[in-house]
Amino acid sequence: MNTQPDPAPGVDPARRFLRPEEVAQELNVTVSQVYTLMRSGQLAAVKIGKRGVWRVSREQLEAYVVGLEQEAVHRIESSTPGGS
């Protein structure tokens, strides 16, 4: 069973790094929000070269999404009466 999400249309699933525009498409957010996540350290990214081209690895994007899902589960459990 494949647990990996389907990549956004037009994104090659074999590529290791994604451009901020591709990350925004996969998360369904704006590119500006992606840059904010990268600058804050919430979404691990690498800055390549002198001009500072930002890229996010597929692994880091997946780890970020998994973390969001875990936070959501924790929020639900803590807001439910009798939850842990």
C-alpha atoms as a PDB file:
ATOM      1  CA  MET A   1       0.000   0.000   0.000  1.00  0.00           C
ATOM      2  CA  ASN A   2       1.427   3.404  -0.991  1.00  0.00           C
ATOM      3  CA  THR A   3       1.136   5.956   1.817  1.00  0.00           C
ATOM      4  CA  GLN A   4       2.864   8.741  -0.116  1.00  0.00           C
ATOM      5  CA  PRO A   5       0.547  11.539  -1.262  1.00  0.00           C
ATOM      6  CA  ASP A   6       0.156  12.043  -4.980  1.00  0.00           C
ATOM      7  CA  PRO A   7       2.379  14.889  -6.188  1.00  0.00           C
ATOM      8  CA  ALA A   8       0.806  18.047  -7.501  1.00  0.00           C
ATOM      9  CA  PRO A   9       0.039  17.988 -11.238  1.00  0.00           C
ATOM     10  CA  GLY A  10       3.140  18.689 -13.297  1.00  0.00           C
ATOM     11  CA  VAL A  11       5.568  17.847 -10.455  1.00  0.00           C
ATOM     12  CA  ASP A  12       8.006  15.013 -11.136  1.00  0.00           C
ATOM     13  CA  PRO A  13       7.800  12.671  -8.109  1.00  0.00           C
ATOM     14  CA  ALA A  14      11.389  11.514  -8.700  1.00  0.00           C
ATOM     15  CA  ARG A  15      12.924  14.960  -8.097  1.00  0.00           C
ATOM     16  CA  ARG A  16      14.621  15.346  -4.733  1.00  0.00           C
ATOM     17  CA  PHE A  17      14.048  19.085  -4.285  1.00  0.00           C
ATOM     18  CA  LEU A  18      10.976  21.203  -4.861  1.00  0.00           C
ATOM     19  CA  ARG A  19      10.779  24.901  -5.665  1.00  0.00           C
ATOM     20  CA  PRO A  20       8.737  27.044  -3.253  1.00  0.00           C
ATOM     21  CA  GLU A  21       6.047  27.336  -5.941  1.00  0.00           C
ATOM     22  CA  GLU A  22       5.730  23.547  -6.074  1.00  0.00           C
ATOM     23  CA  VAL A  23       5.592  23.294  -2.280  1.00  0.00           C
ATOM     24  CA  ALA A  24       2.824  25.903  -2.242  1.00  0.00           C
ATOM     25  CA  GLN A  25       0.903  23.901  -4.824  1.00  0.00           C
ATOM     26  CA  GLU A  26       1.238  20.672  -2.832  1.00  0.00           C
ATOM     27  CA  LEU A  27       0.168  22.354   0.431  1.00  0.00           C
ATOM     28  CA  ASN A  28      -2.523  24.452  -1.275  1.00  0.00           C
ATOM     29  CA  VAL A  29      -1.144  27.680   0.217  1.00  0.00           C
ATOM     30  CA  THR A  30       0.465  30.796  -1.248  1.00  0.00           C
ATOM     31  CA  VAL A  31       4.132  30.996  -2.168  1.00  0.00           C
ATOM     32  CA  SER A  32       4.441  33.806   0.388  1.00  0.00           C
ATOM     33  CA  GLN A  33       3.256  31.427   3.117  1.00  0.00           C
ATOM     34  CA  VAL A  34       5.879  28.878   2.031  1.00  0.00           C
ATOM     35  CA  TYR A  35       8.662  31.494   2.297  1.00  0.00           C
ATOM     36  CA  THR A  36       7.379  32.437   5.762  1.00  0.00           C
ATOM     37  CA  LEU A  37       7.479  28.773   6.851  1.00  0.00           C
ATOM     38  CA  MET A  38      11.019  28.392   5.486  1.00  0.00           C
ATOM     39  CA  ARG A  39      12.343  31.593   7.091  1.00  0.00           C
ATOM     40  CA  SER A  40      10.790  30.714  10.457  1.00  0.00           C
ATOM     41  CA  GLY A  41      12.354  27.252  10.410  1.00  0.00           C
ATOM     42  CA  GLN A  42       8.988  25.480  10.544  1.00  0.00           C
ATOM     43  CA  LEU A  43       9.677  23.993   7.112  1.00  0.00           C
ATOM     44  CA  ALA A  44      13.296  22.934   6.669  1.00  0.00           C
ATOM     45  CA  ALA A  45      14.767  24.234   3.430  1.00  0.00           C
ATOM     46  CA  VAL A  46      18.151  24.732   1.845  1.00  0.00           C
ATOM     47  CA  LYS A  47      19.459  27.909   0.298  1.00  0.00           C
ATOM     48  CA  ILE A  48      21.563  27.137  -2.767  1.00  0.00           C
ATOM     49  CA  GLY A  49      24.232  29.380  -4.239  1.00  0.00           C
ATOM     50  CA  LYS A  50      25.061  33.057  -3.954  1.00  0.00           C
ATOM     51  CA  ARG A  51      21.679  34.229  -5.132  1.00  0.00           C
ATOM     52  CA  GLY A  52      19.942  32.226  -2.429  1.00  0.00           C
ATOM     53  CA  VAL A  53      17.666  29.930  -4.403  1.00  0.00           C
ATOM     54  CA  TRP A  54      15.455  28.122  -1.879  1.00  0.00           C
ATOM     55  CA  ARG A  55      14.551  24.444  -2.206  1.00  0.00           C
ATOM     56  CA  VAL A  56      12.675  21.975   0.001  1.00  0.00           C
ATOM     57  CA  SER A  57      13.411  18.260  -0.113  1.00  0.00           C
ATOM     58  CA  ARG A  58      10.493  15.893  -0.533  1.00  0.00           C
ATOM     59  CA  GLU A  59      11.527  14.230   2.741  1.00  0.00           C
ATOM     60  CA  GLN A  60      11.363  17.509   4.661  1.00  0.00           C
ATOM     61  CA  LEU A  61       8.006  18.392   3.137  1.00  0.00           C
ATOM     62  CA  GLU A  62       6.647  14.983   4.140  1.00  0.00           C
ATOM     63  CA  ALA A  63       8.066  15.375   7.680  1.00  0.00           C
ATOM     64  CA  TYR A  64       6.403  18.790   7.939  1.00  0.00           C
ATOM     65  CA  VAL A  65       3.020  17.383   6.870  1.00  0.00           C
ATOM     66  CA  VAL A  66       3.339  14.427   9.271  1.00  0.00           C
ATOM     67  CA  GLY A  67       4.075  16.888  12.087  1.00  0.00           C
ATOM     68  CA  LEU A  68       0.957  18.897  11.218  1.00  0.00           C
ATOM     69  CA  GLU A  69      -1.121  15.718  11.247  1.00  0.00           C
ATOM     70  CA  GLN A  70       0.290  14.722  14.647  1.00  0.00           C
ATOM     71  CA  GLU A  71      -0.512  18.191  16.024  1.00  0.00           C
ATOM     72  CA  ALA A  72      -4.073  17.856  14.731  1.00  0.00           C
ATOM     73  CA  VAL A  73      -4.513  14.475  16.420  1.00  0.00           C
ATOM     74  CA  HIS A  74      -3.118  15.860  19.674  1.00  0.00           C
ATOM     75  CA  ARG A  75      -5.458  18.856  19.482  1.00  0.00           C
ATOM     76  CA  ILE A  76      -8.466  16.599  18.921  1.00  0.00           C
ATOM     77  CA  GLU A  77      -7.483  14.259  21.738  1.00  0.00           C
ATOM     78  CA  SER A  78      -6.895  17.096  24.187  1.00  0.00           C
ATOM     79  CA  SER A  79     -10.177  18.813  23.346  1.00  0.00           C
ATOM     80  CA  THR A  80     -12.242  15.632  23.691  1.00  0.00           C
ATOM     81  CA  PRO A  81     -13.655  14.974  27.190  1.00  0.00           C
ATOM     82  CA  GLY A  82     -11.684  12.113  28.708  1.00  0.00           C
ATOM     83  CA  GLY A  83      -8.961  12.520  26.057  1.00  0.00           C
ATOM     84  CA  SER A  84      -5.321  12.113  26.998  1.00  0.00           C
END
